[in-house]
Amino acid sequence: MPFFATHAWADAREKASVTWLAAERKVELSISDMVTVFEGNALLVNRFTRRKADVRGTSIHIGGLIKAESSGWTSPKFMSSLSTGGKRFYNIAIAIDLSMSIHGHLATCVMESLVIMIAALQRCGIDNFSILTFGSDVQILKTEDQPWDDATKLLLLSSLVFRQTATFDADAIFAGLALLRQSSAKGPKKLFVFTDGYGSRKKECL
C-alpha cells in the first residue's frame, strides 16, 4: 500500500476512534444505566474461573486446609469450589436497520442506542459480539472473532447511512441466528435488532 494511502487510512481510523469516544461521553449516564441492567438482569455472571476455600467442593483447597489445621479445625472451609472470578460468557449479534424509513430523529436514536449497547457490553467484559446491517441486503461488519478496534469502528460509522430502499429484516434475523449457531464460544445466544419495524417482506414471512 502506498505511503499516502497508509497515512490516510491511519488518520481515518484515529478520527473514527475520537468520534466514537465523543459519542460515548455524550451518553455516559445511559451507558451506566445499561451496564446496571445487563449486570443485574439481562447478562448475569454465568461462569466462574477461580477457586476458593469452601465447606463443599470436589477437591482440597491447600490454603483452606492449612488455615483449618492451624485453627484447630474451627474453620471448616478446606474444600475447593469454583465460585469466584465470575465472568459473562454470551454469544451476541447486533443487527442494524439502514432503510430510508429511519431518518432524522430515528437515525439519531439508533446511533445513540448502538453506542450505549456496545459500550455497555464492553464494560461487562463482552467484546466477542457480531454486528450486521440490513436494508436491501445484509452485510456482516464484524464477527465474534474480529476485535472491536479502530478499524471496526471506522467500518461501522461509515456504514451508518440510512438510505436503503428496502428492509429485509427477516433476512437479517436469519443471518444473525446463523452467526450465533456457528459460534464456537459457549454461552447463551442473544440477537438484538435495531429497527423501526417496517419490513419489506411481510407477506413472504406469514
Protein backbone atom coordinates (compact mmCIF):
# COMPACT_ATOMS: atom_id res chain seq x y z
CA MET A 1 0.00 0.00 0.00
CA PRO A 2 1.45 3.43 -0.95
CA PHE A 3 2.59 5.69 1.89
CA PHE A 4 -0.13 8.31 1.32
CA ALA A 5 -2.82 5.62 1.36
CA THR A 6 -1.43 4.15 4.58
CA HIS A 7 -1.30 7.59 6.17
CA ALA A 8 -4.88 8.37 5.12
CA TRP A 9 -6.06 5.01 6.49
CA ALA A 10 -4.37 5.69 9.82
CA ASP A 11 -5.92 9.16 10.00
CA ALA A 12 -9.37 7.76 9.24
CA ARG A 13 -9.08 5.14 11.98
CA GLU A 14 -7.91 7.72 14.50
CA LYS A 15 -10.79 10.02 13.59
CA ALA A 16 -13.25 7.15 14.00
CA SER A 17 -11.83 6.38 17.43
CA VAL A 18 -12.14 10.02 18.52
CA THR A 19 -15.69 10.23 17.15
CA TRP A 20 -16.74 7.06 18.97
CA LEU A 21 -15.21 8.23 22.25
CA ALA A 22 -17.03 11.55 21.96
CA ALA A 23 -20.29 9.70 21.33
CA GLU A 24 -19.74 7.58 24.44
CA ARG A 25 -19.14 10.67 26.57
CA LYS A 26 -22.37 12.19 25.31
CA VAL A 27 -24.44 9.22 26.55
CA GLU A 28 -22.34 8.27 29.57
CA LEU A 29 -25.27 8.22 32.01
CA SER A 30 -27.28 5.95 29.72
CA ILE A 31 -24.29 3.62 29.35
CA SER A 32 -24.04 3.33 33.14
CA ASP A 33 -27.77 2.57 33.35
CA MET A 34 -27.43 -0.11 30.66
CA VAL A 35 -24.49 -1.70 32.47
CA THR A 36 -26.67 -1.89 35.60
CA VAL A 37 -29.44 -3.60 33.63
CA PHE A 38 -27.03 -6.03 31.98
CA GLU A 39 -25.22 -6.94 35.19
CA GLY A 40 -28.37 -7.22 37.28
CA ASN A 41 -30.80 -8.85 34.87
CA ALA A 42 -30.07 -9.44 31.18
CA LEU A 43 -26.45 -10.65 31.23
CA LEU A 44 -25.81 -12.25 34.59
CA VAL A 45 -22.48 -13.82 35.52
CA ASN A 46 -22.72 -17.37 34.20
CA ARG A 47 -19.24 -18.81 34.69
CA PHE A 48 -16.63 -18.79 37.46
CA THR A 49 -12.93 -19.07 36.71
CA ARG A 50 -11.23 -19.22 40.11
CA ARG A 51 -11.45 -21.50 43.13
CA LYS A 52 -11.81 -20.56 46.78
CA ALA A 53 -11.89 -22.34 50.12
CA ASP A 54 -15.38 -23.60 50.90
CA VAL A 55 -17.21 -26.13 53.05
CA ARG A 56 -18.04 -28.11 49.91
CA GLY A 57 -16.15 -28.95 46.79
CA THR A 58 -14.60 -31.64 44.65
CA SER A 59 -11.00 -31.24 45.83
CA ILE A 60 -8.91 -29.96 48.74
CA HIS A 61 -8.05 -26.26 48.94
CA ILE A 62 -4.45 -26.15 50.25
CA GLY A 63 -4.73 -22.67 51.73
CA GLY A 64 -8.01 -23.54 53.37
CA LEU A 65 -6.59 -26.81 54.71
CA ILE A 66 -3.61 -25.03 56.29
CA LYS A 67 -5.91 -22.46 57.86
CA ALA A 68 -8.26 -25.14 59.14
CA GLU A 69 -5.43 -27.14 60.71
CA SER A 70 -3.76 -24.10 62.30
CA SER A 71 -7.10 -23.02 63.79
CA GLY A 72 -7.69 -26.39 65.38
CA TRP A 73 -10.26 -27.24 62.71
CA THR A 74 -12.59 -24.46 63.83
CA SER A 75 -12.61 -23.26 60.21
CA PRO A 76 -14.47 -25.84 58.10
CA LYS A 77 -13.56 -24.27 54.76
CA PHE A 78 -10.87 -26.57 53.41
CA MET A 79 -12.62 -27.86 50.30
CA SER A 80 -12.18 -26.17 46.92
CA SER A 81 -15.11 -24.78 44.93
CA LEU A 82 -15.16 -22.93 41.61
CA SER A 83 -17.10 -19.91 42.83
CA THR A 84 -15.06 -16.72 42.29
CA GLY A 85 -13.73 -14.78 39.31
CA GLY A 86 -17.19 -14.51 37.81
CA LYS A 87 -17.37 -13.72 34.09
CA ARG A 88 -20.05 -13.37 31.47
CA PHE A 89 -19.97 -15.73 28.51
CA TYR A 90 -22.61 -14.88 25.90
CA ASN A 91 -22.93 -15.10 22.12
CA ILE A 92 -24.38 -11.80 20.93
CA ALA A 93 -25.28 -10.48 17.49
CA ILE A 94 -26.45 -6.93 16.73
CA ALA A 95 -28.47 -6.16 13.59
CA ILE A 96 -28.96 -2.56 12.41
CA ASP A 97 -31.68 -1.38 10.03
CA LEU A 98 -30.32 1.06 7.40
CA SER A 99 -33.55 1.62 5.49
CA MET A 100 -34.84 5.06 4.42
CA SER A 101 -37.71 4.90 6.91
CA ILE A 102 -35.15 5.52 9.64
CA HIS A 103 -34.10 9.11 9.25
CA GLY A 104 -33.79 12.27 11.28
CA HIS A 105 -34.58 11.72 14.94
CA LEU A 106 -34.97 7.94 14.47
CA ALA A 107 -31.49 7.70 12.97
CA THR A 108 -30.07 9.63 15.92
CA CYS A 109 -31.83 7.28 18.33
CA VAL A 110 -30.46 4.21 16.55
CA MET A 111 -26.90 5.53 16.58
CA GLU A 112 -27.00 6.59 20.22
CA SER A 113 -28.60 3.29 21.26
CA LEU A 114 -25.89 1.43 19.37
CA VAL A 115 -23.15 3.34 21.18
CA ILE A 116 -24.84 2.68 24.53
CA MET A 117 -25.18 -1.04 23.89
CA ILE A 118 -21.66 -1.66 22.60
CA ALA A 119 -20.05 0.40 25.36
CA ALA A 120 -22.14 -1.40 28.00
CA LEU A 121 -21.22 -4.81 26.58
CA GLN A 122 -17.54 -3.92 26.75
CA ARG A 123 -17.81 -2.73 30.33
CA CYS A 124 -19.41 -6.07 31.17
CA GLY A 125 -16.39 -7.83 29.70
CA ILE A 126 -18.10 -8.88 26.46
CA ASP A 127 -16.42 -7.95 23.18
CA ASN A 128 -16.93 -11.08 21.09
CA PHE A 129 -20.17 -9.76 19.59
CA SER A 130 -21.12 -9.74 15.92
CA ILE A 131 -22.50 -6.74 14.01
CA LEU A 132 -24.51 -6.78 10.80
CA THR A 133 -26.53 -4.23 8.87
CA PHE A 134 -29.58 -4.75 6.70
CA GLY A 135 -31.83 -2.96 4.26
CA SER A 136 -31.87 -4.06 0.63
CA ASP A 137 -29.27 -6.66 1.58
CA VAL A 138 -27.42 -7.93 4.64
CA GLN A 139 -23.82 -7.02 5.36
CA ILE A 140 -21.69 -8.54 8.13
CA LEU A 141 -19.43 -5.84 9.57
CA LYS A 142 -17.92 -7.74 12.48
CA THR A 143 -17.80 -11.38 13.51
CA GLU A 144 -17.16 -12.59 17.04
CA ASP A 145 -13.54 -13.34 16.13
CA GLN A 146 -12.77 -9.82 14.95
CA PRO A 147 -11.61 -7.27 17.55
CA TRP A 148 -13.58 -4.16 18.41
CA ASP A 149 -10.78 -1.83 17.29
CA ASP A 150 -10.45 1.48 15.46
CA ALA A 151 -10.75 -0.20 12.06
CA THR A 152 -14.06 -1.82 13.04
CA LYS A 153 -15.33 1.46 14.46
CA LEU A 154 -14.48 3.17 11.17
CA LEU A 155 -16.30 0.49 9.18
CA LEU A 156 -19.39 0.75 11.39
CA LEU A 157 -19.52 4.55 11.41
CA SER A 158 -19.07 4.75 7.65
CA SER A 159 -21.87 2.19 7.19
CA LEU A 160 -24.47 4.09 9.21
CA VAL A 161 -26.15 5.70 6.21
CA PHE A 162 -29.92 5.24 6.24
CA ARG A 163 -30.70 5.26 2.52
CA GLN A 164 -31.60 1.73 1.54
CA THR A 165 -34.95 1.36 -0.20
CA ALA A 166 -35.98 -1.97 1.30
CA THR A 167 -35.99 -3.54 4.75
CA PHE A 168 -35.25 -7.25 4.61
CA ASP A 169 -35.47 -7.69 8.36
CA ALA A 170 -36.26 -11.42 8.15
CA ASP A 171 -33.07 -11.97 6.16
CA ALA A 172 -31.12 -10.11 8.85
CA ILE A 173 -32.64 -12.19 11.62
CA PHE A 174 -31.83 -15.43 9.79
CA ALA A 175 -28.27 -14.21 9.19
CA GLY A 176 -27.88 -13.19 12.81
CA LEU A 177 -29.17 -16.53 14.06
CA ALA A 178 -26.79 -18.30 11.66
CA LEU A 179 -23.86 -16.38 13.14
CA LEU A 180 -24.94 -17.39 16.62
CA ARG A 181 -25.38 -21.04 15.66
CA GLN A 182 -21.93 -21.15 14.05
CA SER A 183 -20.28 -19.59 17.09
CA SER A 184 -17.52 -21.63 18.71
CA ALA A 185 -17.98 -19.81 22.03
CA LYS A 186 -20.14 -21.37 24.70
CA GLY A 187 -22.92 -19.43 26.36
CA PRO A 188 -26.49 -18.19 25.87
CA LYS A 189 -27.25 -16.70 22.46
CA LYS A 190 -28.89 -13.28 22.09
CA LEU A 191 -29.82 -11.28 18.99
CA PHE A 192 -30.58 -7.54 19.26
CA VAL A 193 -32.27 -5.81 16.32
CA PHE A 194 -32.32 -2.02 15.90
CA THR A 195 -35.23 -1.26 13.57
CA ASP A 196 -38.45 0.72 13.27
CA GLY A 197 -40.33 -2.49 12.50
CA TYR A 198 -41.32 -1.70 8.91
CA GLY A 199 -40.24 -4.76 6.93
CA SER A 200 -40.41 -5.31 3.17
CA ARG A 201 -41.26 -9.00 3.22
CA LYS A 202 -44.27 -9.23 5.45
CA LYS A 203 -46.32 -11.39 3.06
CA GLU A 204 -43.44 -13.80 2.48
CA CYS A 205 -42.91 -14.25 6.21
CA LEU A 206 -46.54 -15.04 7.05
